[in-house]
C-alpha atoms as a PDB file:
ATOM      1  CA  MET A   1       9.300   9.158  17.734  1.00  0.00           C
ATOM      2  CA  THR A   2      10.080   5.546  16.675  1.00  0.00           C
ATOM      3  CA  ASP A   3       8.792   3.714  13.646  1.00  0.00           C
ATOM      4  CA  PRO A   4       6.057   1.411  14.110  1.00  0.00           C
ATOM      5  CA  ALA A   5       6.485  -2.201  14.661  1.00  0.00           C
ATOM      6  CA  VAL A   6       6.643  -4.498  11.453  1.00  0.00           C
ATOM      7  CA  PRO A   7       3.387  -6.494  11.375  1.00  0.00           C
ATOM      8  CA  THR A   8       3.580 -10.169  12.579  1.00  0.00           C
ATOM      9  CA  ASP A   9       2.364 -11.503   9.094  1.00  0.00           C
ATOM     10  CA  ALA A  10       5.070  -9.547   7.263  1.00  0.00           C
ATOM     11  CA  LEU A  11       7.625 -11.228   4.935  1.00  0.00           C
ATOM     12  CA  THR A  12      10.678 -11.937   6.912  1.00  0.00           C
ATOM     13  CA  PRO A  13      14.088 -13.321   6.183  1.00  0.00           C
ATOM     14  CA  THR A  14      12.685 -16.550   7.273  1.00  0.00           C
ATOM     15  CA  THR A  15       9.327 -16.849   5.423  1.00  0.00           C
ATOM     16  CA  TYR A  16      10.464 -14.863   2.248  1.00  0.00           C
ATOM     17  CA  PRO A  17      12.777 -17.608   0.910  1.00  0.00           C
ATOM     18  CA  LEU A  18      10.060 -20.195   1.302  1.00  0.00           C
ATOM     19  CA  ALA A  19       7.564 -17.910  -0.545  1.00  0.00           C
ATOM     20  CA  VAL A  20      10.080 -17.362  -3.391  1.00  0.00           C
ATOM     21  CA  ALA A  21      10.580 -21.175  -3.656  1.00  0.00           C
ATOM     22  CA  ARG A  22       6.769 -21.790  -3.903  1.00  0.00           C
ATOM     23  CA  LEU A  23       6.275 -19.279  -6.526  1.00  0.00           C
ATOM     24  CA  ALA A  24       9.309 -20.609  -8.571  1.00  0.00           C
ATOM     25  CA  ALA A  25       7.952 -23.931  -8.341  1.00  0.00           C
ATOM     26  CA  ALA A  26       4.554 -23.013  -9.471  1.00  0.00           C
ATOM     27  CA  ASP A  27       5.595 -20.593 -12.278  1.00  0.00           C
ATOM     28  CA  PRO A  28       8.237 -21.790 -14.769  1.00  0.00           C
ATOM     29  CA  VAL A  29       8.943 -18.099 -15.891  1.00  0.00           C
ATOM     30  CA  LEU A  30       9.560 -16.939 -12.561  1.00  0.00           C
ATOM     31  CA  ALA A  31      11.767 -20.078 -12.085  1.00  0.00           C
ATOM     32  CA  GLY A  32      13.718 -18.858 -14.984  1.00  0.00           C
ATOM     33  CA  VAL A  33      14.467 -15.498 -13.235  1.00  0.00           C
ATOM     34  CA  VAL A  34      16.015 -17.410 -10.454  1.00  0.00           C
ATOM     35  CA  GLU A  35      18.099 -19.530 -12.816  1.00  0.00           C
ATOM     36  CA  HIS A  36      19.481 -16.373 -14.685  1.00  0.00           C
ATOM     37  CA  TRP A  37      19.763 -13.782 -11.766  1.00  0.00           C
ATOM     38  CA  GLY A  38      19.506 -15.758  -8.542  1.00  0.00           C
ATOM     39  CA  PRO A  39      16.635 -15.331  -6.182  1.00  0.00           C
ATOM     40  CA  PRO A  40      15.047 -11.833  -5.715  1.00  0.00           C
ATOM     41  CA  PRO A  41      16.166  -9.915  -2.743  1.00  0.00           C
ATOM     42  CA  LEU A  42      13.830  -9.097  -0.011  1.00  0.00           C
ATOM     43  CA  TRP A  43      14.060  -5.262  -0.642  1.00  0.00           C
ATOM     44  CA  ARG A  44      12.448  -3.337   2.092  1.00  0.00           C
ATOM     45  CA  HIS A  45      12.080   0.244   3.415  1.00  0.00           C
ATOM     46  CA  PRO A  46      11.759   1.378   7.048  1.00  0.00           C
ATOM     47  CA  ALA A  47       8.197   1.458   8.344  1.00  0.00           C
ATOM     48  CA  GLY A  48       6.339   4.618   9.362  1.00  0.00           C
ATOM     49  CA  PHE A  49       7.085   8.096   8.110  1.00  0.00           C
ATOM     50  CA  ALA A  50      10.504   7.172   6.593  1.00  0.00           C
ATOM     51  CA  GLY A  51       9.028   4.484   4.607  1.00  0.00           C
ATOM     52  CA  LEU A  52       6.091   6.592   3.296  1.00  0.00           C
ATOM     53  CA  VAL A  53       8.394   9.531   2.416  1.00  0.00           C
ATOM     54  CA  HIS A  54      10.611   6.943   0.547  1.00  0.00           C
ATOM     55  CA  ALA A  55       7.386   6.152  -1.573  1.00  0.00           C
ATOM     56  CA  ILE A  56       6.513   9.597  -2.163  1.00  0.00           C
ATOM     57  CA  LEU A  57      10.238  10.133  -3.470  1.00  0.00           C
ATOM     58  CA  ALA A  58       9.841   7.187  -5.827  1.00  0.00           C
ATOM     59  CA  GLN A  59       6.771   8.718  -7.600  1.00  0.00           C
ATOM     60  CA  GLN A  60       7.422   8.902 -11.211  1.00  0.00           C
ATOM     61  CA  VAL A  61      11.171   8.820 -10.995  1.00  0.00           C
ATOM     62  CA  SER A  62      13.759   6.168 -11.348  1.00  0.00           C
ATOM     63  CA  LEU A  63      14.497   3.837  -8.398  1.00  0.00           C
ATOM     64  CA  GLU A  64      17.915   5.083  -8.152  1.00  0.00           C
ATOM     65  CA  SER A  65      16.982   8.692  -8.029  1.00  0.00           C
ATOM     66  CA  ALA A  66      14.570   7.858  -5.184  1.00  0.00           C
ATOM     67  CA  VAL A  67      17.152   5.995  -3.223  1.00  0.00           C
ATOM     68  CA  ALA A  68      19.811   8.787  -3.833  1.00  0.00           C
ATOM     69  CA  ALA A  69      17.203  11.498  -2.481  1.00  0.00           C
ATOM     70  CA  PHE A  70      16.312   9.495   0.506  1.00  0.00           C
ATOM     71  CA  GLY A  71      20.010   8.879   1.350  1.00  0.00           C
ATOM     72  CA  LYS A  72      20.477  12.708   1.280  1.00  0.00           C
ATOM     73  CA  LEU A  73      17.666  13.223   3.442  1.00  0.00           C
ATOM     74  CA  GLU A  74      18.927  10.700   5.997  1.00  0.00           C
ATOM     75  CA  GLY A  75      22.199  12.749   5.791  1.00  0.00           C
ATOM     76  CA  ALA A  76      20.545  15.858   6.501  1.00  0.00           C
ATOM     77  CA  LEU A  77      18.375  14.595   9.393  1.00  0.00           C
ATOM     78  CA  GLY A  78      20.167  11.701  10.816  1.00  0.00           C
ATOM     79  CA  ARG A  79      16.745   9.944  11.380  1.00  0.00           C
ATOM     80  CA  VAL A  80      13.923  10.596   8.988  1.00  0.00           C
ATOM     81  CA  GLU A  81      11.194  11.675  11.591  1.00  0.00           C
ATOM     82  CA  PRO A  82       8.201  14.111  11.287  1.00  0.00           C
ATOM     83  CA  GLU A  83       9.381  16.728  13.746  1.00  0.00           C
ATOM     84  CA  ALA A  84      12.945  16.883  12.145  1.00  0.00           C
ATOM     85  CA  PHE A  85      11.545  17.009   8.763  1.00  0.00           C
ATOM     86  CA  LEU A  86       9.394  19.996   9.529  1.00  0.00           C
ATOM     87  CA  THR A  87      12.426  21.919  10.180  1.00  0.00           C
ATOM     88  CA  LEU A  88      13.672  21.819   6.693  1.00  0.00           C
ATOM     89  CA  ASP A  89      12.747  24.619   4.443  1.00  0.00           C
ATOM     90  CA  ASP A  90      11.845  24.403   0.678  1.00  0.00           C
ATOM     91  CA  ALA A  91      15.557  25.185  -0.226  1.00  0.00           C
ATOM     92  CA  ARG A  92      16.789  22.394   1.867  1.00  0.00           C
ATOM     93  CA  LEU A  93      14.409  19.882   0.480  1.00  0.00           C
ATOM     94  CA  ARG A  94      15.075  21.104  -3.071  1.00  0.00           C
ATOM     95  CA  ALA A  95      18.740  20.319  -2.450  1.00  0.00           C
ATOM     96  CA  VAL A  96      17.812  16.890  -1.141  1.00  0.00           C
ATOM     97  CA  GLY A  97      15.932  16.253  -4.283  1.00  0.00           C
ATOM     98  CA  PHE A  98      12.327  16.852  -3.477  1.00  0.00           C
ATOM     99  CA  SER A  99      10.260  18.600  -6.159  1.00  0.00           C
ATOM    100  CA  ARG A 100       7.872  21.368  -4.936  1.00  0.00           C
ATOM    101  CA  GLN A 101       4.967  18.943  -4.994  1.00  0.00           C
ATOM    102  CA  LYS A 102       6.776  16.209  -3.206  1.00  0.00           C
ATOM    103  CA  ALA A 103       7.830  18.549  -0.549  1.00  0.00           C
ATOM    104  CA  ALA A 104       4.374  19.624  -0.090  1.00  0.00           C
ATOM    105  CA  TYR A 105       3.047  16.005   0.077  1.00  0.00           C
ATOM    106  CA  ALA A 106       5.872  14.876   2.631  1.00  0.00           C
ATOM    107  CA  ARG A 107       5.291  18.017   4.713  1.00  0.00           C
ATOM    108  CA  GLY A 108       1.526  17.323   4.868  1.00  0.00           C
ATOM    109  CA  LEU A 109       2.200  13.820   5.887  1.00  0.00           C
ATOM    110  CA  ALA A 110       4.606  15.028   8.767  1.00  0.00           C
ATOM    111  CA  GLU A 111       1.952  17.544   9.908  1.00  0.00           C
ATOM    112  CA  ALA A 112      -0.656  14.850  10.012  1.00  0.00           C
ATOM    113  CA  ILE A 113       1.427  12.606  12.091  1.00  0.00           C
ATOM    114  CA  ALA A 114       2.627  15.424  14.392  1.00  0.00           C
ATOM    115  CA  ALA A 115      -1.047  16.616  14.802  1.00  0.00           C
ATOM    116  CA  GLY A 116      -2.168  12.985  15.668  1.00  0.00           C
ATOM    117  CA  THR A 117      -4.666  12.811  12.791  1.00  0.00           C
ATOM    118  CA  LEU A 118      -2.604   9.890  11.283  1.00  0.00           C
ATOM    119  CA  ASP A 119      -1.308   7.005  13.448  1.00  0.00           C
ATOM    120  CA  LEU A 120       0.997   4.941  11.217  1.00  0.00           C
ATOM    121  CA  ALA A 121       1.689   2.825  14.224  1.00  0.00           C
ATOM    122  CA  ALA A 122      -1.811   1.819  14.432  1.00  0.00           C
ATOM    123  CA  LEU A 123      -1.962   0.833  10.775  1.00  0.00           C
ATOM    124  CA  ALA A 124       1.125  -1.335  11.088  1.00  0.00           C
ATOM    125  CA  ASN A 125      -1.063  -4.429  11.836  1.00  0.00           C
ATOM    126  CA  ALA A 126      -4.308  -3.320  10.053  1.00  0.00           C
ATOM    127  CA  ALA A 127      -5.704  -5.032   6.898  1.00  0.00           C
ATOM    128  CA  ASP A 128      -4.215  -4.089   3.792  1.00  0.00           C
ATOM    129  CA  ASP A 129      -7.501  -2.234   2.607  1.00  0.00           C
ATOM    130  CA  GLU A 130      -7.489  -0.302   5.780  1.00  0.00           C
ATOM    131  CA  VAL A 131      -4.122   0.765   5.355  1.00  0.00           C
ATOM    132  CA  ARG A 132      -4.894   2.010   1.771  1.00  0.00           C
ATOM    133  CA  ARG A 133      -8.113   3.921   2.833  1.00  0.00           C
ATOM    134  CA  SER A 134      -6.093   5.712   5.528  1.00  0.00           C
ATOM    135  CA  LEU A 135      -3.186   6.774   3.291  1.00  0.00           C
ATOM    136  CA  LEU A 136      -5.473   7.750   0.327  1.00  0.00           C
ATOM    137  CA  ARG A 137      -6.925  10.394   2.490  1.00  0.00           C
ATOM    138  CA  LEU A 138      -3.629  12.140   2.226  1.00  0.00           C
ATOM    139  CA  ARG A 139      -2.751  14.670  -0.418  1.00  0.00           C
ATOM    140  CA  GLY A 140      -0.165  13.213  -2.904  1.00  0.00           C
ATOM    141  CA  ILE A 141      -0.872   9.574  -1.878  1.00  0.00           C
ATOM    142  CA  GLY A 142      -2.288   7.499  -4.536  1.00  0.00           C
ATOM    143  CA  ARG A 143      -2.872   3.886  -5.011  1.00  0.00           C
ATOM    144  CA  TRP A 144       0.544   3.177  -6.259  1.00  0.00           C
ATOM    145  CA  THR A 145       2.215   4.770  -3.338  1.00  0.00           C
ATOM    146  CA  ALA A 146      -0.009   3.248  -0.840  1.00  0.00           C
ATOM    147  CA  ASP A 147       0.794  -0.141  -2.171  1.00  0.00           C
ATOM    148  CA  VAL A 148       4.629   0.707  -2.500  1.00  0.00           C
ATOM    149  CA  TYR A 149       4.463   1.452   1.068  1.00  0.00           C
ATOM    150  CA  LEU A 150       2.380  -1.961   1.870  1.00  0.00           C
ATOM    151  CA  LEU A 151       4.920  -3.772  -0.121  1.00  0.00           C
ATOM    152  CA  PHE A 152       8.297  -2.434   0.889  1.00  0.00           C
ATOM    153  CA  ALA A 153       7.610  -0.952   4.402  1.00  0.00           C
ATOM    154  CA  LEU A 154       5.075  -3.185   5.729  1.00  0.00           C
ATOM    155  CA  ARG A 155       6.148  -6.188   3.683  1.00  0.00           C
ATOM    156  CA  ARG A 156       2.676  -7.424   2.944  1.00  0.00           C
ATOM    157  CA  ALA A 157       2.803 -10.539   0.947  1.00  0.00           C
ATOM    158  CA  ASP A 158       0.064  -9.677  -1.546  1.00  0.00           C
ATOM    159  CA  ALA A 159       0.425  -5.938  -2.074  1.00  0.00           C
ATOM    160  CA  TRP A 160       0.617  -5.095  -5.783  1.00  0.00           C
ATOM    161  CA  PRO A 161       1.671  -1.465  -6.988  1.00  0.00           C
ATOM    162  CA  SER A 162      -0.844  -1.222  -9.889  1.00  0.00           C
ATOM    163  CA  GLY A 163       0.336   0.875 -12.810  1.00  0.00           C
ATOM    164  CA  ASP A 164       4.013   0.372 -12.031  1.00  0.00           C
ATOM    165  CA  LEU A 165       5.899   0.608 -15.524  1.00  0.00           C
ATOM    166  CA  ALA A 166       8.817  -1.504 -14.480  1.00  0.00           C
ATOM    167  CA  LEU A 167       6.470  -4.396 -13.604  1.00  0.00           C
ATOM    168  CA  ALA A 168       4.755  -4.009 -16.985  1.00  0.00           C
ATOM    169  CA  ALA A 169       8.008  -3.930 -18.815  1.00  0.00           C
ATOM    170  CA  ALA A 170       9.269  -7.268 -17.022  1.00  0.00           C
ATOM    171  CA  VAL A 171       6.037  -8.923 -17.874  1.00  0.00           C
ATOM    172  CA  GLN A 172       6.310  -8.052 -21.590  1.00  0.00           C
ATOM    173  CA  GLU A 173       9.855  -9.208 -21.700  1.00  0.00           C
ATOM    174  CA  LEU A 174       9.491 -12.369 -19.669  1.00  0.00           C
ATOM    175  CA  TRP A 175       6.517 -13.434 -21.492  1.00  0.00           C
ATOM    176  CA  GLY A 176       7.590 -12.234 -24.913  1.00  0.00           C
ATOM    177  CA  GLN A 177       4.410 -10.116 -25.378  1.00  0.00           C
ATOM    178  CA  PRO A 178       4.267  -7.800 -28.377  1.00  0.00           C
ATOM    179  CA  THR A 179       2.906  -4.815 -26.461  1.00  0.00           C
ATOM    180  CA  ARG A 180       3.134  -3.759 -22.775  1.00  0.00           C
ATOM    181  CA  LEU A 181       0.024  -4.474 -20.832  1.00  0.00           C
ATOM    182  CA  GLY A 182      -1.958  -1.554 -19.571  1.00  0.00           C
ATOM    183  CA  SER A 183      -2.547  -1.060 -15.809  1.00  0.00           C
ATOM    184  CA  ASP A 184      -5.874  -2.972 -15.693  1.00  0.00           C
ATOM    185  CA  ALA A 185      -4.629  -5.896 -17.886  1.00  0.00           C
ATOM    186  CA  LEU A 186      -1.393  -6.082 -15.742  1.00  0.00           C
ATOM    187  CA  ASP A 187      -3.506  -6.334 -12.630  1.00  0.00           C
ATOM    188  CA  ALA A 188      -5.539  -9.173 -14.174  1.00  0.00           C
ATOM    189  CA  PHE A 189      -2.420 -10.966 -15.094  1.00  0.00           C
ATOM    190  CA  ALA A 190      -1.065 -10.644 -11.576  1.00  0.00           C
ATOM    191  CA  GLU A 191      -3.989 -12.494 -10.204  1.00  0.00           C
ATOM    192  CA  ARG A 192      -2.233 -15.788 -10.953  1.00  0.00           C
ATOM    193  CA  TRP A 193       0.183 -14.950  -8.179  1.00  0.00           C
ATOM    194  CA  ARG A 194      -2.453 -14.063  -5.476  1.00  0.00           C
ATOM    195  CA  PRO A 195      -1.945 -14.187  -2.407  1.00  0.00           C
ATOM    196  CA  GLN A 196       1.799 -13.597  -2.970  1.00  0.00           C
ATOM    197  CA  ARG A 197       1.768 -10.716  -5.523  1.00  0.00           C
ATOM    198  CA  ALA A 198       4.316  -8.831  -3.558  1.00  0.00           C
ATOM    199  CA  VAL A 199       6.707 -11.813  -3.915  1.00  0.00           C
ATOM    200  CA  ALA A 200       5.882 -11.971  -7.661  1.00  0.00           C
ATOM    201  CA  ALA A 201       6.663  -8.129  -7.987  1.00  0.00           C
ATOM    202  CA  ARG A 202      10.096  -8.699  -6.620  1.00  0.00           C
ATOM    203  CA  PHE A 203      10.822 -11.352  -9.120  1.00  0.00           C
ATOM    204  CA  LEU A 204       9.821  -8.969 -11.731  1.00  0.00           C
ATOM    205  CA  TRP A 205      11.767  -5.964 -10.470  1.00  0.00           C
ATOM    206  CA  HIS A 206      14.660  -8.291  -9.940  1.00  0.00           C
ATOM    207  CA  ASP A 207      14.580  -9.389 -13.691  1.00  0.00           C
ATOM    208  CA  TYR A 208      13.908  -5.794 -14.807  1.00  0.00           C
ATOM    209  CA  LEU A 209      16.911  -4.382 -12.948  1.00  0.00           C
ATOM    210  CA  SER A 210      19.249  -7.192 -13.605  1.00  0.00           C
ATOM    211  CA  ARG A 211      18.744  -7.015 -17.407  1.00  0.00           C
ATOM    212  CA  ARG A 212      19.747  -3.329 -17.268  1.00  0.00           C
ATOM    213  CA  GLY A 213      22.578  -3.669 -14.920  1.00  0.00           C
ATOM    214  CA  ARG A 214      20.921  -1.299 -12.530  1.00  0.00           C
ATOM    215  CA  GLN A 215      20.686  -0.921  -8.776  1.00  0.00           C
ATOM    216  CA  ALA A 216      18.416  -2.600  -6.234  1.00  0.00           C
ATOM    217  CA  ALA A 217      14.951  -1.160  -5.643  1.00  0.00           C
ATOM    218  CA  GLY A 218      15.559  -0.488  -1.985  1.00  0.00           C
ATOM    219  CA  SER A 219      17.557  -1.557   0.983  1.00  0.00           C
ATOM    220  CA  THR A 220      17.831  -5.129   2.112  1.00  0.00           C
END
């Protein structure tokens, strides 16, 4: 089974630098991020099952933990595909870094794909809202996970992972706010970057990680 094709309107190595330049020209705070740390990388995850498993692993843990666990999963399987994933028992998944809940979520995802009730290839070129609706029907997939998949795997330009704590921390630090914005307030703040909120999110993660000397949010 192969990963679905990346949608034709996805951010690419050609279009992404142009989007970064446009946002930096329009927002002096984001321009300062580039001045301090350089342009934000086009972090991305594989599309399809592998990318959605990566998003599940990233739920409520550090970026480094998710990247490490996904790397161990790749080491165990070679290629992260539903059929191969379903051969792993709970003990193997725990050794990789799955909690019991995340193992159940990923196994349910693999079973839905194997049964034909979820077609990620068909979603690759669907509208953002359609992708969200389809993913939110799955156990363990909430709005944040769906938007992380849209942002990193499908590379949609306006995906925004509502409730992301690192984004909230970055906004607080960059704009010198006395308190961290809640989810709704952060979503409202991000409206200034529509329809390129996914590009802005990469600026914010870039600043957040760079200040802390931490690793990248995903592969490039």
